[in-house]
Amino acid sequence: MNSTWAARDLPVLDTLVKFLDDAAGESFPHLRDIAELTDLEVIDVGRAAIALEGAGLIDLRKVMGGDHGHWFVTGVSGHARHLVGQWPSAEQFVDEVASRLDAAADDETDPERRSRLRELASSAGDVARSVFVDVATAVISKQMGV
């Protein structure tokens, strides 16, 4: 069996996350809307939605008597948001912190502060990475209610 993740499921998930984020609870996407936005056939979006629902990534509502196009999605999981890159993983968060510390060091005029910022950025990127990732994971998990 061929993998459907990259060609079908991920584009559908990414589009669902964006749609729900933009709508901010004002509307829920029907699968026909997602088909139009992804240039996929409605039946393929329906298959993707069933797979994504089975993986616990989306809340899919199926309308009785309607085809896949009438089904709609009312929510996505935090894991779905991680998968499409809307929410960072702990590793991405640490990389971003290290990058911002480096940028701050570039802008710093005080040599001592610049040196401390570079040292901190280096630690976030090297030796202390596992500790930073563990702390970031705990913070992100707590914020998500996990």
C-alpha atoms as a PDB file:
ATOM      1  CA  MET A   1       0.000   0.000   0.000  1.00  0.00           C
ATOM      2  CA  ASN A   2       1.289   3.477  -0.845  1.00  0.00           C
ATOM      3  CA  SER A   3       1.809   6.166   1.753  1.00  0.00           C
ATOM      4  CA  THR A   4      -0.883   8.833   1.702  1.00  0.00           C
ATOM      5  CA  TRP A   5       0.680  11.172   4.251  1.00  0.00           C
ATOM      6  CA  ALA A   6       2.629  13.618   2.072  1.00  0.00           C
ATOM      7  CA  ALA A   7       0.332  13.733  -0.933  1.00  0.00           C
ATOM      8  CA  ARG A   8      -3.075  13.657   0.732  1.00  0.00           C
ATOM      9  CA  ASP A   9      -3.319  13.621   4.535  1.00  0.00           C
ATOM     10  CA  LEU A  10      -0.766  16.311   5.423  1.00  0.00           C
ATOM     11  CA  PRO A  11      -2.088  18.878   2.901  1.00  0.00           C
ATOM     12  CA  VAL A  12      -5.635  18.261   4.158  1.00  0.00           C
ATOM     13  CA  LEU A  13      -4.534  18.581   7.796  1.00  0.00           C
ATOM     14  CA  ASP A  14      -2.535  21.731   7.095  1.00  0.00           C
ATOM     15  CA  THR A  15      -5.497  23.311   5.300  1.00  0.00           C
ATOM     16  CA  LEU A  16      -7.894  22.331   8.103  1.00  0.00           C
ATOM     17  CA  VAL A  17      -5.632  23.877  10.752  1.00  0.00           C
ATOM     18  CA  LYS A  18      -5.301  27.108   8.755  1.00  0.00           C
ATOM     19  CA  PHE A  19      -9.038  27.266   8.035  1.00  0.00           C
ATOM     20  CA  LEU A  20     -10.022  26.725  11.671  1.00  0.00           C
ATOM     21  CA  ASP A  21      -7.429  29.215  12.877  1.00  0.00           C
ATOM     22  CA  ASP A  22      -8.611  31.871  10.414  1.00  0.00           C
ATOM     23  CA  ALA A  23     -12.291  31.229  11.216  1.00  0.00           C
ATOM     24  CA  ALA A  24     -11.645  31.507  14.976  1.00  0.00           C
ATOM     25  CA  GLY A  25     -14.759  29.487  15.802  1.00  0.00           C
ATOM     26  CA  GLU A  26     -17.065  31.470  13.501  1.00  0.00           C
ATOM     27  CA  SER A  27     -17.387  28.606  10.994  1.00  0.00           C
ATOM     28  CA  PHE A  28     -16.299  25.030  10.436  1.00  0.00           C
ATOM     29  CA  PRO A  29     -14.895  23.754   7.146  1.00  0.00           C
ATOM     30  CA  HIS A  30     -16.915  21.330   5.079  1.00  0.00           C
ATOM     31  CA  LEU A  31     -14.800  18.803   3.249  1.00  0.00           C
ATOM     32  CA  ARG A  32     -15.872  20.272  -0.100  1.00  0.00           C
ATOM     33  CA  ASP A  33     -14.254  23.556   1.030  1.00  0.00           C
ATOM     34  CA  ILE A  34     -11.026  21.724   1.827  1.00  0.00           C
ATOM     35  CA  ALA A  35     -11.162  19.938  -1.531  1.00  0.00           C
ATOM     36  CA  GLU A  36     -11.324  23.298  -3.304  1.00  0.00           C
ATOM     37  CA  LEU A  37      -8.470  24.728  -1.243  1.00  0.00           C
ATOM     38  CA  THR A  38      -6.201  21.706  -1.758  1.00  0.00           C
ATOM     39  CA  ASP A  39      -7.144  20.864  -5.364  1.00  0.00           C
ATOM     40  CA  LEU A  40      -7.936  17.328  -4.218  1.00  0.00           C
ATOM     41  CA  GLU A  41     -11.079  15.395  -5.057  1.00  0.00           C
ATOM     42  CA  VAL A  42     -13.773  15.437  -2.359  1.00  0.00           C
ATOM     43  CA  ILE A  43     -13.571  11.640  -2.047  1.00  0.00           C
ATOM     44  CA  ASP A  44      -9.817  11.891  -1.359  1.00  0.00           C
ATOM     45  CA  VAL A  45     -10.368  14.625   1.237  1.00  0.00           C
ATOM     46  CA  GLY A  46     -12.994  12.352   2.812  1.00  0.00           C
ATOM     47  CA  ARG A  47     -10.506   9.478   2.947  1.00  0.00           C
ATOM     48  CA  ALA A  48      -7.905  11.784   4.484  1.00  0.00           C
ATOM     49  CA  ALA A  49     -10.432  13.044   7.039  1.00  0.00           C
ATOM     50  CA  ILE A  50     -11.341   9.497   8.064  1.00  0.00           C
ATOM     51  CA  ALA A  51      -7.643   8.666   8.494  1.00  0.00           C
ATOM     52  CA  LEU A  52      -6.969  11.887  10.429  1.00  0.00           C
ATOM     53  CA  GLU A  53      -9.980  11.277  12.663  1.00  0.00           C
ATOM     54  CA  GLY A  54      -8.813   7.722  13.322  1.00  0.00           C
ATOM     55  CA  ALA A  55      -5.432   9.086  14.391  1.00  0.00           C
ATOM     56  CA  GLY A  56      -7.131  11.483  16.813  1.00  0.00           C
ATOM     57  CA  LEU A  57      -5.971  14.562  14.893  1.00  0.00           C
ATOM     58  CA  ILE A  58      -9.363  16.041  13.951  1.00  0.00           C
ATOM     59  CA  ASP A  59     -12.965  16.117  15.145  1.00  0.00           C
ATOM     60  CA  LEU A  60     -14.977  15.033  12.112  1.00  0.00           C
ATOM     61  CA  ARG A  61     -18.765  15.411  11.968  1.00  0.00           C
ATOM     62  CA  LYS A  62     -20.518  13.190   9.442  1.00  0.00           C
ATOM     63  CA  VAL A  63     -23.854  14.350   8.083  1.00  0.00           C
ATOM     64  CA  MET A  64     -26.386  11.588   7.540  1.00  0.00           C
ATOM     65  CA  GLY A  65     -27.606  11.301   3.976  1.00  0.00           C
ATOM     66  CA  GLY A  66     -24.857  13.537   2.627  1.00  0.00           C
ATOM     67  CA  ASP A  67     -21.719  12.653   0.769  1.00  0.00           C
ATOM     68  CA  HIS A  68     -18.192  13.363   1.999  1.00  0.00           C
ATOM     69  CA  GLY A  69     -18.517  16.977   0.847  1.00  0.00           C
ATOM     70  CA  HIS A  70     -21.169  17.667   3.475  1.00  0.00           C
ATOM     71  CA  TRP A  71     -19.043  16.398   6.341  1.00  0.00           C
ATOM     72  CA  PHE A  72     -17.298  19.067   8.388  1.00  0.00           C
ATOM     73  CA  VAL A  73     -14.502  19.439  10.928  1.00  0.00           C
ATOM     74  CA  THR A  74     -15.048  21.151  14.272  1.00  0.00           C
ATOM     75  CA  GLY A  75     -11.537  20.997  15.697  1.00  0.00           C
ATOM     76  CA  VAL A  76      -7.967  19.792  15.489  1.00  0.00           C
ATOM     77  CA  SER A  77      -5.713  18.434  18.214  1.00  0.00           C
ATOM     78  CA  GLY A  78      -2.600  20.040  19.596  1.00  0.00           C
ATOM     79  CA  HIS A  79      -0.609  17.230  18.002  1.00  0.00           C
ATOM     80  CA  ALA A  80      -2.096  18.196  14.627  1.00  0.00           C
ATOM     81  CA  ARG A  81      -0.874  21.743  15.154  1.00  0.00           C
ATOM     82  CA  HIS A  82       2.606  20.376  15.926  1.00  0.00           C
ATOM     83  CA  LEU A  83       2.589  18.207  12.804  1.00  0.00           C
ATOM     84  CA  VAL A  84       1.849  21.130  10.494  1.00  0.00           C
ATOM     85  CA  GLY A  85       4.330  23.386  12.277  1.00  0.00           C
ATOM     86  CA  GLN A  86       1.846  25.834  13.771  1.00  0.00           C
ATOM     87  CA  TRP A  87       3.029  24.988  17.277  1.00  0.00           C
ATOM     88  CA  PRO A  88       6.714  24.335  17.821  1.00  0.00           C
ATOM     89  CA  SER A  89       8.172  21.165  19.193  1.00  0.00           C
ATOM     90  CA  ALA A  90      10.479  21.541  22.170  1.00  0.00           C
ATOM     91  CA  GLU A  91      13.472  21.145  19.852  1.00  0.00           C
ATOM     92  CA  GLN A  92      12.204  23.871  17.513  1.00  0.00           C
ATOM     93  CA  PHE A  93      11.557  26.123  20.501  1.00  0.00           C
ATOM     94  CA  VAL A  94      15.115  25.650  21.784  1.00  0.00           C
ATOM     95  CA  ASP A  95      16.510  26.319  18.301  1.00  0.00           C
ATOM     96  CA  GLU A  96      14.471  29.536  18.136  1.00  0.00           C
ATOM     97  CA  VAL A  97      15.680  30.635  21.581  1.00  0.00           C
ATOM     98  CA  ALA A  98      19.300  29.993  20.569  1.00  0.00           C
ATOM     99  CA  SER A  99      18.786  31.910  17.324  1.00  0.00           C
ATOM    100  CA  ARG A 100      17.248  34.875  19.145  1.00  0.00           C
ATOM    101  CA  LEU A 101      20.058  34.900  21.705  1.00  0.00           C
ATOM    102  CA  ASP A 102      22.572  34.981  18.850  1.00  0.00           C
ATOM    103  CA  ALA A 103      20.696  37.864  17.234  1.00  0.00           C
ATOM    104  CA  ALA A 104      20.586  39.724  20.545  1.00  0.00           C
ATOM    105  CA  ALA A 105      24.346  39.231  20.897  1.00  0.00           C
ATOM    106  CA  ASP A 106      24.843  40.686  17.407  1.00  0.00           C
ATOM    107  CA  ASP A 107      22.948  43.813  18.465  1.00  0.00           C
ATOM    108  CA  GLU A 108      24.590  44.164  21.885  1.00  0.00           C
ATOM    109  CA  THR A 109      27.173  46.944  22.228  1.00  0.00           C
ATOM    110  CA  ASP A 110      28.462  45.984  25.691  1.00  0.00           C
ATOM    111  CA  PRO A 111      31.222  43.379  25.139  1.00  0.00           C
ATOM    112  CA  GLU A 112      30.554  41.606  28.448  1.00  0.00           C
ATOM    113  CA  ARG A 113      26.812  41.254  27.780  1.00  0.00           C
ATOM    114  CA  ARG A 114      27.524  40.186  24.175  1.00  0.00           C
ATOM    115  CA  SER A 115      29.851  37.481  25.483  1.00  0.00           C
ATOM    116  CA  ARG A 116      27.247  36.219  27.985  1.00  0.00           C
ATOM    117  CA  LEU A 117      24.546  36.136  25.307  1.00  0.00           C
ATOM    118  CA  ARG A 118      26.814  34.166  22.944  1.00  0.00           C
ATOM    119  CA  GLU A 119      27.671  31.740  25.741  1.00  0.00           C
ATOM    120  CA  LEU A 120      23.988  31.238  26.523  1.00  0.00           C
ATOM    121  CA  ALA A 121      23.149  30.748  22.835  1.00  0.00           C
ATOM    122  CA  SER A 122      25.955  28.227  22.520  1.00  0.00           C
ATOM    123  CA  SER A 123      24.741  26.339  25.594  1.00  0.00           C
ATOM    124  CA  ALA A 124      21.202  26.223  24.216  1.00  0.00           C
ATOM    125  CA  GLY A 125      22.564  24.804  20.984  1.00  0.00           C
ATOM    126  CA  ASP A 126      25.114  22.363  22.446  1.00  0.00           C
ATOM    127  CA  VAL A 127      25.855  20.906  25.854  1.00  0.00           C
ATOM    128  CA  ALA A 128      22.741  21.979  27.719  1.00  0.00           C
ATOM    129  CA  ARG A 129      20.410  21.218  24.779  1.00  0.00           C
ATOM    130  CA  SER A 130      18.852  18.156  26.411  1.00  0.00           C
ATOM    131  CA  VAL A 131      18.141  20.120  29.601  1.00  0.00           C
ATOM    132  CA  PHE A 132      16.676  23.016  27.589  1.00  0.00           C
ATOM    133  CA  VAL A 133      14.531  20.581  25.572  1.00  0.00           C
ATOM    134  CA  ASP A 134      13.284  18.865  28.753  1.00  0.00           C
ATOM    135  CA  VAL A 135      12.360  22.220  30.296  1.00  0.00           C
ATOM    136  CA  ALA A 136      10.727  23.450  27.068  1.00  0.00           C
ATOM    137  CA  THR A 137       8.780  20.199  26.751  1.00  0.00           C
ATOM    138  CA  ALA A 138       7.465  20.577  30.300  1.00  0.00           C
ATOM    139  CA  VAL A 139       6.478  24.206  29.726  1.00  0.00           C
ATOM    140  CA  ILE A 140       4.804  23.539  26.353  1.00  0.00           C
ATOM    141  CA  SER A 141       2.987  20.481  27.725  1.00  0.00           C
ATOM    142  CA  LYS A 142       1.715  22.438  30.725  1.00  0.00           C
ATOM    143  CA  GLN A 143       0.493  25.261  28.458  1.00  0.00           C
ATOM    144  CA  MET A 144      -1.367  22.719  26.294  1.00  0.00           C
ATOM    145  CA  GLY A 145      -2.886  21.011  29.336  1.00  0.00           C
ATOM    146  CA  VAL A 146      -1.160  17.717  28.578  1.00  0.00           C
END
